[in-house]
C-alpha atoms as a PDB file:
ATOM      1  CA  MET A   1     -46.105  55.039 255.648  1.00  0.00           C
ATOM      2  CA  ALA A   2     -49.706  55.046 256.824  1.00  0.00           C
ATOM      3  CA  ARG A   3     -52.958  55.320 254.935  1.00  0.00           C
ATOM      4  CA  TYR A   4     -55.531  57.981 255.755  1.00  0.00           C
ATOM      5  CA  LEU A   5     -59.086  58.529 254.612  1.00  0.00           C
ATOM      6  CA  ILE A   6     -59.833  62.146 253.827  1.00  0.00           C
ATOM      7  CA  SER A   7     -63.560  62.615 253.298  1.00  0.00           C
ATOM      8  CA  PHE A   8     -66.440  65.032 253.461  1.00  0.00           C
ATOM      9  CA  ASP A   9     -70.147  64.823 254.101  1.00  0.00           C
ATOM     10  CA  ARG A  10     -72.148  65.596 250.990  1.00  0.00           C
ATOM     11  CA  GLY A  11     -74.043  68.275 252.921  1.00  0.00           C
ATOM     12  CA  TRP A  12     -70.818  70.168 253.639  1.00  0.00           C
ATOM     13  CA  MET A  13     -70.355  71.258 250.016  1.00  0.00           C
ATOM     14  CA  ARG A  14     -72.240  74.510 249.675  1.00  0.00           C
ATOM     15  CA  PHE A  15     -71.449  76.685 246.700  1.00  0.00           C
ATOM     16  CA  PRO A  16     -73.390  77.931 243.689  1.00  0.00           C
ATOM     17  CA  GLU A  17     -73.959  75.187 241.111  1.00  0.00           C
ATOM     18  CA  ALA A  18     -72.304  77.428 238.542  1.00  0.00           C
ATOM     19  CA  ASP A  19     -69.023  76.958 240.462  1.00  0.00           C
ATOM     20  CA  LEU A  20     -69.078  73.151 240.006  1.00  0.00           C
ATOM     21  CA  PRO A  21     -66.738  73.136 236.968  1.00  0.00           C
ATOM     22  CA  ASP A  22     -64.167  75.167 238.919  1.00  0.00           C
ATOM     23  CA  VAL A  23     -64.508  72.908 241.967  1.00  0.00           C
ATOM     24  CA  ALA A  24     -64.060  69.805 239.793  1.00  0.00           C
ATOM     25  CA  ARG A  25     -61.011  71.332 238.096  1.00  0.00           C
ATOM     26  CA  ASP A  26     -59.445  72.270 241.422  1.00  0.00           C
ATOM     27  CA  ALA A  27     -60.183  68.864 242.978  1.00  0.00           C
ATOM     28  CA  HIS A  28     -58.655  67.103 239.961  1.00  0.00           C
ATOM     29  CA  ALA A  29     -55.573  69.315 240.283  1.00  0.00           C
ATOM     30  CA  VAL A  30     -55.109  68.212 243.914  1.00  0.00           C
ATOM     31  CA  ALA A  31     -55.583  64.574 242.876  1.00  0.00           C
ATOM     32  CA  GLN A  32     -52.952  65.024 240.161  1.00  0.00           C
ATOM     33  CA  GLU A  33     -50.613  66.608 242.701  1.00  0.00           C
ATOM     34  CA  ALA A  34     -51.122  63.589 244.993  1.00  0.00           C
ATOM     35  CA  ILE A  35     -50.408  61.246 242.063  1.00  0.00           C
ATOM     36  CA  ASP A  36     -47.252  63.183 241.221  1.00  0.00           C
ATOM     37  CA  ALA A  37     -46.175  63.028 244.879  1.00  0.00           C
ATOM     38  CA  GLY A  38     -46.739  59.250 244.905  1.00  0.00           C
ATOM     39  CA  VAL A  39     -49.215  59.343 247.811  1.00  0.00           C
ATOM     40  CA  LEU A  40     -52.593  58.771 246.143  1.00  0.00           C
ATOM     41  CA  VAL A  41     -54.112  55.348 246.765  1.00  0.00           C
ATOM     42  CA  PHE A  42     -57.621  56.110 245.465  1.00  0.00           C
ATOM     43  CA  THR A  43     -60.098  58.957 245.223  1.00  0.00           C
ATOM     44  CA  GLY A  44     -63.661  59.498 244.095  1.00  0.00           C
ATOM     45  CA  GLY A  45     -66.973  61.184 244.573  1.00  0.00           C
ATOM     46  CA  ILE A  46     -70.033  59.317 245.795  1.00  0.00           C
ATOM     47  CA  GLY A  47     -73.156  59.665 243.646  1.00  0.00           C
ATOM     48  CA  ASP A  48     -76.354  60.877 245.222  1.00  0.00           C
ATOM     49  CA  ASP A  49     -78.662  59.526 242.535  1.00  0.00           C
ATOM     50  CA  ASP A  50     -77.702  55.853 242.697  1.00  0.00           C
ATOM     51  CA  PRO A  51     -79.780  53.680 245.004  1.00  0.00           C
ATOM     52  CA  THR A  52     -78.098  52.761 248.285  1.00  0.00           C
ATOM     53  CA  GLN A  53     -78.491  49.310 249.743  1.00  0.00           C
ATOM     54  CA  VAL A  54     -77.467  47.787 253.056  1.00  0.00           C
ATOM     55  CA  VAL A  55     -76.371  44.137 253.045  1.00  0.00           C
ATOM     56  CA  GLY A  56     -76.781  42.428 256.417  1.00  0.00           C
ATOM     57  CA  THR A  57     -74.633  39.681 257.894  1.00  0.00           C
ATOM     58  CA  ASP A  58     -77.288  37.197 256.816  1.00  0.00           C
ATOM     59  CA  GLY A  59     -77.102  38.434 253.228  1.00  0.00           C
ATOM     60  CA  ALA A  60     -80.425  40.248 253.408  1.00  0.00           C
ATOM     61  CA  VAL A  61     -80.506  43.348 251.217  1.00  0.00           C
ATOM     62  CA  THR A  62     -82.541  46.361 252.247  1.00  0.00           C
ATOM     63  CA  ASP A  63     -82.875  49.797 250.771  1.00  0.00           C
ATOM     64  CA  GLY A  64     -80.758  52.382 252.507  1.00  0.00           C
ATOM     65  CA  PRO A  65     -79.429  54.485 253.911  1.00  0.00           C
ATOM     66  CA  TRP A  66     -81.226  54.211 257.177  1.00  0.00           C
ATOM     67  CA  PRO A  67     -83.735  57.048 257.580  1.00  0.00           C
ATOM     68  CA  GLU A  68     -82.044  58.242 260.794  1.00  0.00           C
ATOM     69  CA  THR A  69     -78.729  58.696 258.965  1.00  0.00           C
ATOM     70  CA  LYS A  70     -77.977  62.396 258.753  1.00  0.00           C
ATOM     71  CA  GLU A  71     -74.514  62.298 257.202  1.00  0.00           C
ATOM     72  CA  LEU A  72     -73.500  60.581 253.979  1.00  0.00           C
ATOM     73  CA  VAL A  73     -70.035  60.600 252.445  1.00  0.00           C
ATOM     74  CA  GLY A  74     -69.925  62.859 249.410  1.00  0.00           C
ATOM     75  CA  GLY A  75     -66.366  62.133 248.314  1.00  0.00           C
ATOM     76  CA  PHE A  76     -63.038  60.882 249.562  1.00  0.00           C
ATOM     77  CA  MET A  77     -59.339  60.452 248.950  1.00  0.00           C
ATOM     78  CA  VAL A  78     -57.075  57.790 250.419  1.00  0.00           C
ATOM     79  CA  VAL A  79     -53.451  58.844 250.804  1.00  0.00           C
ATOM     80  CA  ASP A  80     -50.424  56.871 251.927  1.00  0.00           C
ATOM     81  CA  VAL A  81     -48.170  59.310 253.764  1.00  0.00           C
ATOM     82  CA  PRO A  82     -45.528  59.191 256.525  1.00  0.00           C
ATOM     83  CA  THR A  83     -47.465  61.106 259.208  1.00  0.00           C
ATOM     84  CA  ARG A  84     -50.887  62.348 260.252  1.00  0.00           C
ATOM     85  CA  ASP A  85     -49.588  65.889 259.754  1.00  0.00           C
ATOM     86  CA  ASP A  86     -48.949  65.010 256.100  1.00  0.00           C
ATOM     87  CA  ALA A  87     -52.518  63.702 255.784  1.00  0.00           C
ATOM     88  CA  VAL A  88     -53.852  66.896 257.364  1.00  0.00           C
ATOM     89  CA  ALA A  89     -51.819  68.948 254.866  1.00  0.00           C
ATOM     90  CA  TRP A  90     -53.434  67.036 251.981  1.00  0.00           C
ATOM     91  CA  ALA A  91     -56.865  67.501 253.605  1.00  0.00           C
ATOM     92  CA  ALA A  92     -56.215  71.253 253.703  1.00  0.00           C
ATOM     93  CA  LYS A  93     -55.541  71.263 249.948  1.00  0.00           C
ATOM     94  CA  ILE A  94     -58.703  69.261 249.304  1.00  0.00           C
ATOM     95  CA  ALA A  95     -60.740  71.553 251.567  1.00  0.00           C
ATOM     96  CA  VAL A  96     -59.697  74.555 249.487  1.00  0.00           C
ATOM     97  CA  ALA A  97     -60.359  72.752 246.197  1.00  0.00           C
ATOM     98  CA  CYS A  98     -63.753  71.356 247.229  1.00  0.00           C
ATOM     99  CA  ARG A  99     -64.792  74.451 249.174  1.00  0.00           C
ATOM    100  CA  CYS A 100     -65.685  72.397 252.254  1.00  0.00           C
ATOM    101  CA  ALA A 101     -64.197  70.954 255.433  1.00  0.00           C
ATOM    102  CA  GLN A 102     -62.536  67.546 255.325  1.00  0.00           C
ATOM    103  CA  GLU A 103     -62.404  64.755 257.913  1.00  0.00           C
ATOM    104  CA  VAL A 104     -59.111  62.862 258.391  1.00  0.00           C
ATOM    105  CA  ARG A 105     -59.126  59.299 259.729  1.00  0.00           C
ATOM    106  CA  ALA A 106     -56.330  56.751 259.882  1.00  0.00           C
ATOM    107  CA  PHE A 107     -56.747  53.245 258.529  1.00  0.00           C
ATOM    108  CA  LEU A 108     -55.696  50.513 260.914  1.00  0.00           C
ATOM    109  CA  PRO A 109     -52.343  48.951 259.994  1.00  0.00           C
ATOM    110  CA  ASP A 110     -52.835  45.738 258.039  1.00  0.00           C
ATOM    111  CA  PRO A 111     -49.919  43.671 256.651  1.00  0.00           C
ATOM    112  CA  PHE A 112     -52.274  41.966 254.159  1.00  0.00           C
ATOM    113  CA  VAL A 113     -53.226  45.323 252.648  1.00  0.00           C
ATOM    114  CA  ASP A 114     -49.588  46.476 252.717  1.00  0.00           C
ATOM    115  CA  GLU A 115     -48.613  43.402 250.698  1.00  0.00           C
ATOM    116  CA  PHE A 116     -51.512  43.849 248.264  1.00  0.00           C
ATOM    117  CA  LEU A 117     -50.669  47.503 247.611  1.00  0.00           C
ATOM    118  CA  ALA A 118     -46.994  46.680 247.133  1.00  0.00           C
ATOM    119  CA  ARG A 119     -47.830  44.535 244.081  1.00  0.00           C
END
């Protein structure tokens, strides 16, 4: 199995605010389906109101994101599935639920993470 990050930019979600309860319901239904299928590793939305900070390699903390940043993750799901095609199929379900396009990216294989998740 391989892990994939399915995510969307917060600017990609464009629907009337009145539709938010339906979007949340539909997104939770896809998450439940992924749980039932045994492929969900983690999922969540990223808050826009919380302050963002960047921590440098020297430990210095600065306010972020950088002003030139145009895209910020709005939400994501990590799935552990046999193939990229499977990840794309889950992304399609999420795209319908969240009413926006989804990006699919593979995590690099890592035996340490495999062992951790197996516990």
